[in-house]
Amino acid sequence: MSDTIERVKCLIIGSGPAGYTAAIYAARANMSPVLYQGTQPGGQLTTTNEVENFPGYPQGITGPEMMMELQAQAQRFEADIRDGWITKVDFSGDVHKVWVNDEKEIHCDTVIISTGASAKYLGLESEQKYLKLGGGVSACAVCDGFFYRNQEVVIVGAGDSACEEAHYLSKLCKKVTMLVRRDEFRASKIMAERVANTENIEILFNTETDEVIGDGQVVTAVRVYNNKTNEKHEIPATGFFVAIGHKPNTDIFKDYLDLDETGYIINKPGTAKTNVPGVFVSGDAADHVYRQAITAAGTGCMAALDAERYLAAKEATVEASAAV
């Protein structure tokens, strides 16, 4: 082995609730974890102004503050938190190889993947402006819907997830306007019927977003247009929810790990194990159902425990072989 190659017992790829929780558990188990934070240290929660549904914070906390606290907790137990991102992997052999920033090579006994998923947005300049300001643009109704109680909101999307989020918002908001690009839903019939039969949900078919309008700090309306007639009009709203899907950040693993049709890593039910022994997954890189900070943290715990047990079993096998 070259002197330039580092050997690591437990490498964690990605931060956020899953990665930091895995680091906490792995560090407390004396696994000397090394965590690379990735291109977005702290993950998606760093774009969330208020987090009120994570246990232990009765007054709520901002997403960035929570991630700083989780990182500090991991570092308290001497987890090695590093800047940089993993750009290439090779899981074809007994030693798991990864490359950092296309340069540094690391050989790992275990790997925990916590790369998450990125919400898809429309890409409008005004949408991104208010998303970064935390002023009314969101990709998670369950996370942020509470802040729009008794207000009017707009949601974009036509699939099952969009219907679920619209229905969830309808229980909190005065009115929910749903923008569907085509003349029908992509969602299952039962989900489409659920939103259609909800009194305070208005569905606008053949309708797309032209611009998110605000006062420079918060959203005040959404300008839309009918893609059949090109007619435009404004919808008063304080919240703009985008529910057009997520993209898991798993492209570099596709040659080695089993992925589903949308790119989520397939784990063995009830575990964090992947199809490659010694490689584990946690958080939104595998979870396309819940996508919550608390569930991500739970799977981070699972991944670290599974990795610890894998190493213990491997060491026991080596010891047994040496004793023969």
C-alpha atoms as a PDB file:
ATOM      1  CA  MET A   1       0.000   0.000   0.000  1.00  0.00           C
ATOM      2  CA  SER A   2       1.344   3.417  -0.947  1.00  0.00           C
ATOM      3  CA  ASP A   3       2.193   5.890   1.778  1.00  0.00           C
ATOM      4  CA  THR A   4      -0.237   8.308   0.128  1.00  0.00           C
ATOM      5  CA  ILE A   5      -3.184   5.986   0.741  1.00  0.00           C
ATOM      6  CA  GLU A   6      -4.991   6.442   4.041  1.00  0.00           C
ATOM      7  CA  ARG A   7      -6.564   3.482   5.853  1.00  0.00           C
ATOM      8  CA  VAL A   8      -9.841   4.196   7.664  1.00  0.00           C
ATOM      9  CA  LYS A   9     -11.929   1.862   9.800  1.00  0.00           C
ATOM     10  CA  CYS A  10     -15.221   3.702   9.193  1.00  0.00           C
ATOM     11  CA  LEU A  11     -15.737   6.321   6.485  1.00  0.00           C
ATOM     12  CA  ILE A  12     -18.963   8.347   6.448  1.00  0.00           C
ATOM     13  CA  ILE A  13     -19.843  10.028   3.172  1.00  0.00           C
ATOM     14  CA  GLY A  14     -22.053  13.069   3.675  1.00  0.00           C
ATOM     15  CA  SER A  15     -23.262  15.057   6.647  1.00  0.00           C
ATOM     16  CA  GLY A  16     -26.752  16.063   7.744  1.00  0.00           C
ATOM     17  CA  PRO A  17     -28.719  14.294  10.502  1.00  0.00           C
ATOM     18  CA  ALA A  18     -27.898  10.829   9.127  1.00  0.00           C
ATOM     19  CA  GLY A  19     -24.164  11.345   8.702  1.00  0.00           C
ATOM     20  CA  TYR A  20     -23.614  13.180  11.974  1.00  0.00           C
ATOM     21  CA  THR A  21     -25.667  10.642  13.950  1.00  0.00           C
ATOM     22  CA  ALA A  22     -23.686   7.800  12.372  1.00  0.00           C
ATOM     23  CA  ALA A  23     -20.505   9.636  13.375  1.00  0.00           C
ATOM     24  CA  ILE A  24     -21.683  10.003  16.980  1.00  0.00           C
ATOM     25  CA  TYR A  25     -22.480   6.298  17.308  1.00  0.00           C
ATOM     26  CA  ALA A  26     -19.373   5.142  15.444  1.00  0.00           C
ATOM     27  CA  ALA A  27     -17.113   7.383  17.520  1.00  0.00           C
ATOM     28  CA  ARG A  28     -18.605   6.144  20.791  1.00  0.00           C
ATOM     29  CA  ALA A  29     -17.942   2.586  19.583  1.00  0.00           C
ATOM     30  CA  ASN A  30     -14.239   3.386  19.098  1.00  0.00           C
ATOM     31  CA  MET A  31     -14.483   3.027  15.316  1.00  0.00           C
ATOM     32  CA  SER A  32     -12.514   6.268  14.730  1.00  0.00           C
ATOM     33  CA  PRO A  33     -14.944   7.503  12.052  1.00  0.00           C
ATOM     34  CA  VAL A  34     -13.861   9.937   9.358  1.00  0.00           C
ATOM     35  CA  LEU A  35     -16.698  12.008   7.877  1.00  0.00           C
ATOM     36  CA  TYR A  36     -16.499  14.025   4.672  1.00  0.00           C
ATOM     37  CA  GLN A  37     -19.173  16.718   4.693  1.00  0.00           C
ATOM     38  CA  GLY A  38     -19.745  16.901   0.942  1.00  0.00           C
ATOM     39  CA  THR A  39     -20.721  19.825  -1.229  1.00  0.00           C
ATOM     40  CA  GLN A  40     -23.444  20.967   1.206  1.00  0.00           C
ATOM     41  CA  PRO A  41     -22.144  20.596   4.785  1.00  0.00           C
ATOM     42  CA  GLY A  42     -25.110  19.878   7.015  1.00  0.00           C
ATOM     43  CA  GLY A  43     -27.314  18.734   4.143  1.00  0.00           C
ATOM     44  CA  GLN A  44     -30.746  20.015   3.164  1.00  0.00           C
ATOM     45  CA  LEU A  45     -31.546  21.260   6.669  1.00  0.00           C
ATOM     46  CA  THR A  46     -29.074  24.097   6.232  1.00  0.00           C
ATOM     47  CA  THR A  47     -31.647  25.688   3.896  1.00  0.00           C
ATOM     48  CA  THR A  48     -34.411  25.457   6.540  1.00  0.00           C
ATOM     49  CA  ASN A  49     -35.001  28.486   8.736  1.00  0.00           C
ATOM     50  CA  GLU A  50     -37.041  26.863  11.494  1.00  0.00           C
ATOM     51  CA  VAL A  51     -37.134  23.251  12.676  1.00  0.00           C
ATOM     52  CA  GLU A  52     -39.939  22.665  15.175  1.00  0.00           C
ATOM     53  CA  ASN A  53     -40.588  18.922  14.825  1.00  0.00           C
ATOM     54  CA  PHE A  54     -37.249  17.471  15.949  1.00  0.00           C
ATOM     55  CA  PRO A  55     -37.493  16.105  19.514  1.00  0.00           C
ATOM     56  CA  GLY A  56     -35.523  17.915  22.191  1.00  0.00           C
ATOM     57  CA  TYR A  57     -35.984  21.478  20.930  1.00  0.00           C
ATOM     58  CA  PRO A  58     -39.167  22.767  22.605  1.00  0.00           C
ATOM     59  CA  GLN A  59     -38.596  26.297  21.309  1.00  0.00           C
ATOM     60  CA  GLY A  60     -37.525  25.125  17.852  1.00  0.00           C
ATOM     61  CA  ILE A  61     -34.149  25.684  16.243  1.00  0.00           C
ATOM     62  CA  THR A  62     -32.843  26.768  12.855  1.00  0.00           C
ATOM     63  CA  GLY A  63     -31.566  24.088  10.512  1.00  0.00           C
ATOM     64  CA  PRO A  64     -28.005  25.465  10.400  1.00  0.00           C
ATOM     65  CA  GLU A  65     -27.850  25.695  14.206  1.00  0.00           C
ATOM     66  CA  MET A  66     -29.030  22.105  14.589  1.00  0.00           C
ATOM     67  CA  MET A  67     -26.399  20.851  12.159  1.00  0.00           C
ATOM     68  CA  MET A  68     -23.681  22.781  14.001  1.00  0.00           C
ATOM     69  CA  GLU A  69     -24.784  21.177  17.269  1.00  0.00           C
ATOM     70  CA  LEU A  70     -24.836  17.691  15.761  1.00  0.00           C
ATOM     71  CA  GLN A  71     -21.375  18.240  14.306  1.00  0.00           C
ATOM     72  CA  ALA A  72     -20.071  19.485  17.657  1.00  0.00           C
ATOM     73  CA  GLN A  73     -21.560  16.450  19.397  1.00  0.00           C
ATOM     74  CA  ALA A  74     -19.809  14.101  16.953  1.00  0.00           C
ATOM     75  CA  GLN A  75     -16.525  15.969  17.423  1.00  0.00           C
ATOM     76  CA  ARG A  76     -16.899  15.730  21.197  1.00  0.00           C
ATOM     77  CA  PHE A  77     -16.366  11.988  20.779  1.00  0.00           C
ATOM     78  CA  GLU A  78     -13.412  12.635  18.446  1.00  0.00           C
ATOM     79  CA  ALA A  79     -15.111  11.956  15.129  1.00  0.00           C
ATOM     80  CA  ASP A  80     -12.858  13.349  12.377  1.00  0.00           C
ATOM     81  CA  ILE A  81     -15.043  15.822  10.430  1.00  0.00           C
ATOM     82  CA  ARG A  82     -13.455  16.976   7.186  1.00  0.00           C
ATOM     83  CA  ASP A  83     -14.208  19.321   4.309  1.00  0.00           C
ATOM     84  CA  GLY A  84     -14.298  17.784   0.838  1.00  0.00           C
ATOM     85  CA  TRP A  85     -16.428  15.338  -1.086  1.00  0.00           C
ATOM     86  CA  ILE A  86     -16.101  11.852  -2.443  1.00  0.00           C
ATOM     87  CA  THR A  87     -15.853  11.897  -6.229  1.00  0.00           C
ATOM     88  CA  LYS A  88     -15.211   8.220  -7.035  1.00  0.00           C
ATOM     89  CA  VAL A  89     -15.570   4.813  -5.372  1.00  0.00           C
ATOM     90  CA  ASP A  90     -14.521   1.238  -6.046  1.00  0.00           C
ATOM     91  CA  PHE A  91     -16.446  -1.368  -4.074  1.00  0.00           C
ATOM     92  CA  SER A  92     -15.400  -4.309  -6.242  1.00  0.00           C
ATOM     93  CA  GLY A  93     -12.944  -5.845  -3.779  1.00  0.00           C
ATOM     94  CA  ASP A  94     -12.668  -6.685  -0.100  1.00  0.00           C
ATOM     95  CA  VAL A  95     -11.163  -3.253   0.534  1.00  0.00           C
ATOM     96  CA  HIS A  96     -13.553  -0.384  -0.181  1.00  0.00           C
ATOM     97  CA  LYS A  97     -11.731   2.352  -2.052  1.00  0.00           C
ATOM     98  CA  VAL A  98     -12.832   5.977  -2.283  1.00  0.00           C
ATOM     99  CA  TRP A  99     -11.276   9.111  -3.719  1.00  0.00           C
ATOM    100  CA  VAL A 100     -11.628  12.584  -2.214  1.00  0.00           C
ATOM    101  CA  ASN A 101     -11.822  15.496  -4.659  1.00  0.00           C
ATOM    102  CA  ASP A 102     -10.414  13.195  -7.396  1.00  0.00           C
ATOM    103  CA  GLU A 103      -7.070  13.177  -5.588  1.00  0.00           C
ATOM    104  CA  LYS A 104      -6.705  11.541  -2.178  1.00  0.00           C
ATOM    105  CA  GLU A 105      -7.283   7.771  -2.045  1.00  0.00           C
ATOM    106  CA  ILE A 106      -8.716   6.141   1.081  1.00  0.00           C
ATOM    107  CA  HIS A 107      -9.119   2.422   1.825  1.00  0.00           C
ATOM    108  CA  CYS A 108     -11.997   1.700   4.179  1.00  0.00           C
ATOM    109  CA  ASP A 109     -13.054  -1.273   6.285  1.00  0.00           C
ATOM    110  CA  THR A 110     -16.617   0.056   6.326  1.00  0.00           C
ATOM    111  CA  VAL A 111     -18.424   2.832   4.478  1.00  0.00           C
ATOM    112  CA  ILE A 112     -21.623   4.593   5.568  1.00  0.00           C
ATOM    113  CA  ILE A 113     -23.347   6.512   2.777  1.00  0.00           C
ATOM    114  CA  SER A 114     -25.296   9.573   3.944  1.00  0.00           C
ATOM    115  CA  THR A 115     -25.319  11.617   0.762  1.00  0.00           C
ATOM    116  CA  GLY A 116     -29.027  12.429   0.927  1.00  0.00           C
ATOM    117  CA  ALA A 117     -31.266  13.589  -1.877  1.00  0.00           C
ATOM    118  CA  SER A 118     -31.767  16.984  -3.455  1.00  0.00           C
ATOM    119  CA  ALA A 119     -35.220  18.435  -3.935  1.00  0.00           C
ATOM    120  CA  LYS A 120     -36.062  19.349  -7.500  1.00  0.00           C
ATOM    121  CA  TYR A 121     -37.083  22.956  -8.071  1.00  0.00           C
ATOM    122  CA  LEU A 122     -38.475  24.778 -11.085  1.00  0.00           C
ATOM    123  CA  GLY A 123     -35.302  26.816 -11.477  1.00  0.00           C
ATOM    124  CA  LEU A 124     -36.956  30.228 -11.598  1.00  0.00           C
ATOM    125  CA  GLU A 125     -34.759  33.069 -10.398  1.00  0.00           C
ATOM    126  CA  SER A 126     -37.536  34.380  -8.153  1.00  0.00           C
ATOM    127  CA  GLU A 127     -38.144  30.908  -6.714  1.00  0.00           C
ATOM    128  CA  GLN A 128     -34.475  30.513  -5.801  1.00  0.00           C
ATOM    129  CA  LYS A 129     -34.368  34.027  -4.346  1.00  0.00           C
ATOM    130  CA  TYR A 130     -37.119  33.372  -1.806  1.00  0.00           C
ATOM    131  CA  LEU A 131     -35.870  29.858  -1.150  1.00  0.00           C
ATOM    132  CA  LYS A 132     -32.478  31.251  -0.081  1.00  0.00           C
ATOM    133  CA  LEU A 133     -34.136  33.997   1.942  1.00  0.00           C
ATOM    134  CA  GLY A 134     -36.338  31.472   3.741  1.00  0.00           C
ATOM    135  CA  GLY A 135     -39.214  33.704   2.767  1.00  0.00           C
ATOM    136  CA  GLY A 136     -41.916  31.312   1.650  1.00  0.00           C
ATOM    137  CA  VAL A 137     -40.526  28.721  -0.789  1.00  0.00           C
ATOM    138  CA  SER A 138     -40.318  25.121   0.418  1.00  0.00           C
ATOM    139  CA  ALA A 139     -40.033  21.567  -0.895  1.00  0.00           C
ATOM    140  CA  CYS A 140     -41.432  19.942   2.254  1.00  0.00           C
ATOM    141  CA  ALA A 141     -45.009  20.510   3.407  1.00  0.00           C
ATOM    142  CA  VAL A 142     -44.594  18.291   6.458  1.00  0.00           C
ATOM    143  CA  CYS A 143     -41.528  20.310   7.518  1.00  0.00           C
ATOM    144  CA  ASP A 144     -42.870  23.799   6.860  1.00  0.00           C
ATOM    145  CA  GLY A 145     -46.648  23.641   6.498  1.00  0.00           C
ATOM    146  CA  PHE A 146     -47.157  24.542  10.160  1.00  0.00           C
ATOM    147  CA  PHE A 147     -45.803  28.038   9.504  1.00  0.00           C
ATOM    148  CA  TYR A 148     -48.655  28.730   7.059  1.00  0.00           C
ATOM    149  CA  ARG A 149     -51.626  27.994   9.300  1.00  0.00           C
ATOM    150  CA  ASN A 150     -54.778  29.784   8.160  1.00  0.00           C
ATOM    151  CA  GLN A 151     -52.945  31.259   5.175  1.00  0.00           C
ATOM    152  CA  GLU A 152     -53.248  30.720   1.412  1.00  0.00           C
ATOM    153  CA  VAL A 153     -50.534  28.715  -0.353  1.00  0.00           C
ATOM    154  CA  VAL A 154     -49.681  27.354  -3.804  1.00  0.00           C
ATOM    155  CA  ILE A 155     -48.236  23.913  -4.494  1.00  0.00           C
ATOM    156  CA  VAL A 156     -46.740  22.637  -7.769  1.00  0.00           C
ATOM    157  CA  GLY A 157     -46.861  18.968  -8.701  1.00  0.00           C
ATOM    158  CA  ALA A 158     -49.036  16.193 -10.095  1.00  0.00           C
ATOM    159  CA  GLY A 159     -47.809  12.941  -8.544  1.00  0.00           C
ATOM    160  CA  ASP A 160     -48.746  11.007  -5.417  1.00  0.00           C
ATOM    161  CA  SER A 161     -46.294  12.972  -3.271  1.00  0.00           C
ATOM    162  CA  ALA A 162     -47.724  16.281  -4.471  1.00  0.00           C
ATOM    163  CA  CYS A 163     -51.247  15.084  -3.691  1.00  0.00           C
ATOM    164  CA  GLU A 164     -50.186  13.909  -0.237  1.00  0.00           C
ATOM    165  CA  GLU A 165     -48.523  17.243   0.487  1.00  0.00           C
ATOM    166  CA  ALA A 166     -51.497  19.239  -0.835  1.00  0.00           C
ATOM    167  CA  HIS A 167     -53.862  17.218   1.357  1.00  0.00           C
ATOM    168  CA  TYR A 168     -51.574  17.743   4.356  1.00  0.00           C
ATOM    169  CA  LEU A 169     -51.507  21.499   3.728  1.00  0.00           C
ATOM    170  CA  SER A 170     -55.288  21.591   3.364  1.00  0.00           C
ATOM    171  CA  LYS A 171     -55.618  20.665   7.048  1.00  0.00           C
ATOM    172  CA  LEU A 172     -53.521  23.669   8.055  1.00  0.00           C
ATOM    173  CA  CYS A 173     -54.119  26.347   5.428  1.00  0.00           C
ATOM    174  CA  LYS A 174     -57.147  28.411   4.534  1.00  0.00           C
ATOM    175  CA  LYS A 175     -56.738  27.591   0.839  1.00  0.00           C
ATOM    176  CA  VAL A 176     -54.388  25.444  -1.244  1.00  0.00           C
ATOM    177  CA  THR A 177     -54.049  26.084  -4.975  1.00  0.00           C
ATOM    178  CA  MET A 178     -52.526  23.147  -6.832  1.00  0.00           C
ATOM    179  CA  LEU A 179     -50.789  23.749 -10.166  1.00  0.00           C
ATOM    180  CA  VAL A 180     -50.798  20.774 -12.555  1.00  0.00           C
ATOM    181  CA  ARG A 181     -48.863  21.197 -15.786  1.00  0.00           C
ATOM    182  CA  ARG A 182     -50.917  18.714 -17.822  1.00  0.00           C
ATOM    183  CA  ASP A 183     -54.649  18.165 -18.110  1.00  0.00           C
ATOM    184  CA  GLU A 184     -54.548  15.260 -15.665  1.00  0.00           C
ATOM    185  CA  PHE A 185     -52.706  14.012 -12.611  1.00  0.00           C
ATOM    186  CA  ARG A 186     -49.809  11.577 -12.720  1.00  0.00           C
ATOM    187  CA  ALA A 187     -50.919  10.420  -9.293  1.00  0.00           C
ATOM    188  CA  SER A 188     -52.895   7.274  -8.572  1.00  0.00           C
ATOM    189  CA  LYS A 189     -56.642   7.577  -8.944  1.00  0.00           C
ATOM    190  CA  ILE A 190     -57.305   7.406  -5.222  1.00  0.00           C
ATOM    191  CA  MET A 191     -54.855  10.210  -4.458  1.00  0.00           C
ATOM    192  CA  ALA A 192     -56.205  12.390  -7.266  1.00  0.00           C
ATOM    193  CA  GLU A 193     -59.745  11.880  -5.995  1.00  0.00           C
ATOM    194  CA  ARG A 194     -58.695  12.756  -2.460  1.00  0.00           C
ATOM    195  CA  VAL A 195     -57.446  16.215  -3.422  1.00  0.00           C
ATOM    196  CA  ALA A 196     -60.300  16.777  -5.871  1.00  0.00           C
ATOM    197  CA  ASN A 197     -62.788  16.101  -3.088  1.00  0.00           C
ATOM    198  CA  THR A 198     -61.092  18.370  -0.560  1.00  0.00           C
ATOM    199  CA  GLU A 199     -63.101  21.565  -0.282  1.00  0.00           C
ATOM    200  CA  ASN A 200     -60.248  24.053   0.222  1.00  0.00           C
ATOM    201  CA  ILE A 201     -57.998  22.670  -2.545  1.00  0.00           C
ATOM    202  CA  GLU A 202     -58.371  24.339  -5.944  1.00  0.00           C
ATOM    203  CA  ILE A 203     -56.760  22.460  -8.838  1.00  0.00           C
ATOM    204  CA  LEU A 204     -55.603  24.393 -11.905  1.00  0.00           C
ATOM    205  CA  PHE A 205     -54.793  22.054 -14.803  1.00  0.00           C
ATOM    206  CA  ASN A 206     -52.595  23.063 -17.765  1.00  0.00           C
ATOM    207  CA  THR A 207     -51.084  25.671 -15.474  1.00  0.00           C
ATOM    208  CA  GLU A 208     -47.433  26.532 -14.861  1.00  0.00           C
ATOM    209  CA  THR A 209     -45.543  29.020 -12.721  1.00  0.00           C
ATOM    210  CA  ASP A 210     -44.356  32.206 -14.381  1.00  0.00           C
ATOM    211  CA  GLU A 211     -42.884  33.932 -11.331  1.00  0.00           C
ATOM    212  CA  VAL A 212     -42.874  33.881  -7.545  1.00  0.00           C
ATOM    213  CA  ILE A 213     -43.762  37.388  -6.399  1.00  0.00           C
ATOM    214  CA  GLY A 214     -42.722  38.945  -3.099  1.00  0.00           C
ATOM    215  CA  ASP A 215     -41.872  42.113  -1.263  1.00  0.00           C
ATOM    216  CA  GLY A 216     -38.134  41.423  -1.246  1.00  0.00           C
ATOM    217  CA  GLN A 217     -38.297  39.363   1.926  1.00  0.00           C
ATOM    218  CA  VAL A 218     -41.354  37.091   1.807  1.00  0.00           C
ATOM    219  CA  VAL A 219     -43.666  35.649  -0.850  1.00  0.00           C
ATOM    220  CA  THR A 220     -46.898  37.538  -1.462  1.00  0.00           C
ATOM    221  CA  ALA A 221     -48.253  35.946  -4.667  1.00  0.00           C
ATOM    222  CA  VAL A 222     -47.541  33.565  -7.529  1.00  0.00           C
ATOM    223  CA  ARG A 223     -48.003  34.538 -11.162  1.00  0.00           C
ATOM    224  CA  VAL A 224     -49.113  31.577 -13.285  1.00  0.00           C
ATOM    225  CA  TYR A 225     -50.036  30.998 -16.902  1.00  0.00           C
ATOM    226  CA  ASN A 226     -52.261  28.582 -18.756  1.00  0.00           C
ATOM    227  CA  ASN A 227     -50.029  26.664 -21.187  1.00  0.00           C
ATOM    228  CA  LYS A 228     -52.933  26.241 -23.620  1.00  0.00           C
ATOM    229  CA  THR A 229     -54.093  29.863 -23.802  1.00  0.00           C
ATOM    230  CA  ASN A 230     -50.981  31.664 -22.428  1.00  0.00           C
ATOM    231  CA  GLU A 231     -53.323  33.647 -20.186  1.00  0.00           C
ATOM    232  CA  LYS A 232     -51.593  34.883 -17.013  1.00  0.00           C
ATOM    233  CA  HIS A 233     -52.955  35.768 -13.606  1.00  0.00           C
ATOM    234  CA  GLU A 234     -51.722  36.203 -10.052  1.00  0.00           C
ATOM    235  CA  ILE A 235     -52.683  34.043  -7.079  1.00  0.00           C
ATOM    236  CA  PRO A 236     -52.310  35.662  -3.636  1.00  0.00           C
ATOM    237  CA  ALA A 237     -50.181  33.352  -1.464  1.00  0.00           C
ATOM    238  CA  THR A 238     -47.691  33.497   1.381  1.00  0.00           C
ATOM    239  CA  GLY A 239     -46.213  30.064   0.683  1.00  0.00           C
ATOM    240  CA  PHE A 240     -45.006  28.362  -2.499  1.00  0.00           C
ATOM    241  CA  PHE A 241     -44.442  24.602  -2.215  1.00  0.00           C
ATOM    242  CA  VAL A 242     -42.632  22.611  -4.885  1.00  0.00           C
ATOM    243  CA  ALA A 243     -43.472  18.895  -5.001  1.00  0.00           C
ATOM    244  CA  ILE A 244     -41.980  17.702  -8.273  1.00  0.00           C
ATOM    245  CA  GLY A 245     -39.694  15.088  -6.793  1.00  0.00           C
ATOM    246  CA  HIS A 246     -36.235  14.528  -5.358  1.00  0.00           C
ATOM    247  CA  LYS A 247     -33.005  13.299  -6.892  1.00  0.00           C
ATOM    248  CA  PRO A 248     -30.931  11.033  -4.639  1.00  0.00           C
ATOM    249  CA  ASN A 249     -27.241  11.927  -4.622  1.00  0.00           C
ATOM    250  CA  THR A 250     -26.103   8.424  -5.510  1.00  0.00           C
ATOM    251  CA  ASP A 251     -24.673   8.596  -9.033  1.00  0.00           C
ATOM    252  CA  ILE A 252     -21.134   7.633  -8.009  1.00  0.00           C
ATOM    253  CA  PHE A 253     -22.389   4.372  -6.480  1.00  0.00           C
ATOM    254  CA  LYS A 254     -24.454   3.068  -9.400  1.00  0.00           C
ATOM    255  CA  ASP A 255     -21.764   0.688 -10.706  1.00  0.00           C
ATOM    256  CA  TYR A 256     -21.556  -1.146  -7.382  1.00  0.00           C
ATOM    257  CA  LEU A 257     -24.773  -0.759  -5.388  1.00  0.00           C
ATOM    258  CA  ASP A 258     -28.315  -1.836  -6.164  1.00  0.00           C
ATOM    259  CA  LEU A 259     -30.462   1.226  -6.874  1.00  0.00           C
ATOM    260  CA  ASP A 260     -34.170   1.490  -7.593  1.00  0.00           C
ATOM    261  CA  GLU A 261     -35.495   2.993 -10.818  1.00  0.00           C
ATOM    262  CA  THR A 262     -35.179   6.548  -9.484  1.00  0.00           C
ATOM    263  CA  GLY A 263     -31.689   6.127  -8.037  1.00  0.00           C
ATOM    264  CA  TYR A 264     -32.361   5.466  -4.358  1.00  0.00           C
ATOM    265  CA  ILE A 265     -30.036   2.902  -2.781  1.00  0.00           C
ATOM    266  CA  ILE A 266     -31.814  -0.336  -1.929  1.00  0.00           C
ATOM    267  CA  ASN A 267     -31.149  -1.476   1.622  1.00  0.00           C
ATOM    268  CA  LYS A 268     -31.963  -4.867   3.077  1.00  0.00           C
ATOM    269  CA  PRO A 269     -35.301  -4.501   4.949  1.00  0.00           C
ATOM    270  CA  GLY A 270     -34.907  -3.595   8.602  1.00  0.00           C
ATOM    271  CA  THR A 271     -31.202  -2.821   8.238  1.00  0.00           C
ATOM    272  CA  ALA A 272     -28.813  -0.280   6.758  1.00  0.00           C
ATOM    273  CA  LYS A 273     -27.049  -2.984   4.734  1.00  0.00           C
ATOM    274  CA  THR A 274     -26.591  -2.687   0.971  1.00  0.00           C
ATOM    275  CA  ASN A 275     -25.769  -5.476  -1.480  1.00  0.00           C
ATOM    276  CA  VAL A 276     -22.043  -4.902  -0.821  1.00  0.00           C
ATOM    277  CA  PRO A 277     -20.809  -6.279   2.536  1.00  0.00           C
ATOM    278  CA  GLY A 278     -19.326  -3.515   4.657  1.00  0.00           C
ATOM    279  CA  VAL A 279     -21.166  -0.726   2.820  1.00  0.00           C
ATOM    280  CA  PHE A 280     -24.197   0.771   4.579  1.00  0.00           C
ATOM    281  CA  VAL A 281     -26.701   3.482   3.751  1.00  0.00           C
ATOM    282  CA  SER A 282     -28.594   5.979   5.887  1.00  0.00           C
ATOM    283  CA  GLY A 283     -30.904   8.938   5.413  1.00  0.00           C
ATOM    284  CA  ASP A 284     -32.495  10.224   2.235  1.00  0.00           C
ATOM    285  CA  ALA A 285     -30.098   8.398  -0.085  1.00  0.00           C
ATOM    286  CA  ALA A 286     -32.341   5.386   0.598  1.00  0.00           C
ATOM    287  CA  ASP A 287     -35.532   6.921   2.013  1.00  0.00           C
ATOM    288  CA  HIS A 288     -37.988   8.174  -0.587  1.00  0.00           C
ATOM    289  CA  VAL A 289     -41.011   7.887   1.731  1.00  0.00           C
ATOM    290  CA  TYR A 290     -40.482   9.874   4.936  1.00  0.00           C
ATOM    291  CA  ARG A 291     -37.547  12.216   4.202  1.00  0.00           C
ATOM    292  CA  GLN A 292     -37.517  13.721   7.708  1.00  0.00           C
ATOM    293  CA  ALA A 293     -34.592  14.763   9.883  1.00  0.00           C
ATOM    294  CA  ILE A 294     -35.658  12.425  12.681  1.00  0.00           C
ATOM    295  CA  THR A 295     -35.939   9.359  10.416  1.00  0.00           C
ATOM    296  CA  ALA A 296     -32.582  10.208   8.825  1.00  0.00           C
ATOM    297  CA  ALA A 297     -30.985  10.381  12.270  1.00  0.00           C
ATOM    298  CA  GLY A 298     -32.527   7.018  13.164  1.00  0.00           C
ATOM    299  CA  THR A 299     -31.068   5.332  10.106  1.00  0.00           C
ATOM    300  CA  GLY A 300     -27.705   6.951  10.848  1.00  0.00           C
ATOM    301  CA  CYS A 301     -27.782   5.131  14.172  1.00  0.00           C
ATOM    302  CA  MET A 302     -28.726   1.882  12.411  1.00  0.00           C
ATOM    303  CA  ALA A 303     -25.887   2.217   9.908  1.00  0.00           C
ATOM    304  CA  ALA A 304     -23.275   2.760  12.616  1.00  0.00           C
ATOM    305  CA  LEU A 305     -24.541  -0.208  14.648  1.00  0.00           C
ATOM    306  CA  ASP A 306     -24.607  -2.420  11.551  1.00  0.00           C
ATOM    307  CA  ALA A 307     -21.070  -1.312  10.670  1.00  0.00           C
ATOM    308  CA  GLU A 308     -19.869  -2.019  14.216  1.00  0.00           C
ATOM    309  CA  ARG A 309     -21.363  -5.524  14.130  1.00  0.00           C
ATOM    310  CA  TYR A 310     -19.872  -6.170  10.695  1.00  0.00           C
ATOM    311  CA  LEU A 311     -16.407  -5.254  11.947  1.00  0.00           C
ATOM    312  CA  ALA A 312     -16.816  -7.327  15.104  1.00  0.00           C
ATOM    313  CA  ALA A 313     -17.865 -10.392  13.094  1.00  0.00           C
ATOM    314  CA  LYS A 314     -14.971  -9.895  10.670  1.00  0.00           C
ATOM    315  CA  GLU A 315     -12.444  -9.569  13.493  1.00  0.00           C
ATOM    316  CA  ALA A 316     -13.852 -12.685  15.188  1.00  0.00           C
ATOM    317  CA  THR A 317     -13.433 -14.627  11.948  1.00  0.00           C
ATOM    318  CA  VAL A 318      -9.821 -13.493  11.602  1.00  0.00           C
ATOM    319  CA  GLU A 319      -9.076 -14.425  15.202  1.00  0.00           C
ATOM    320  CA  ALA A 320     -10.675 -17.843  14.766  1.00  0.00           C
ATOM    321  CA  SER A 321      -8.622 -18.468  11.614  1.00  0.00           C
ATOM    322  CA  ALA A 322      -5.418 -17.445  13.394  1.00  0.00           C
ATOM    323  CA  ALA A 323      -6.159 -19.817  16.243  1.00  0.00           C
ATOM    324  CA  VAL A 324      -6.439 -22.840  13.942  1.00  0.00           C
END
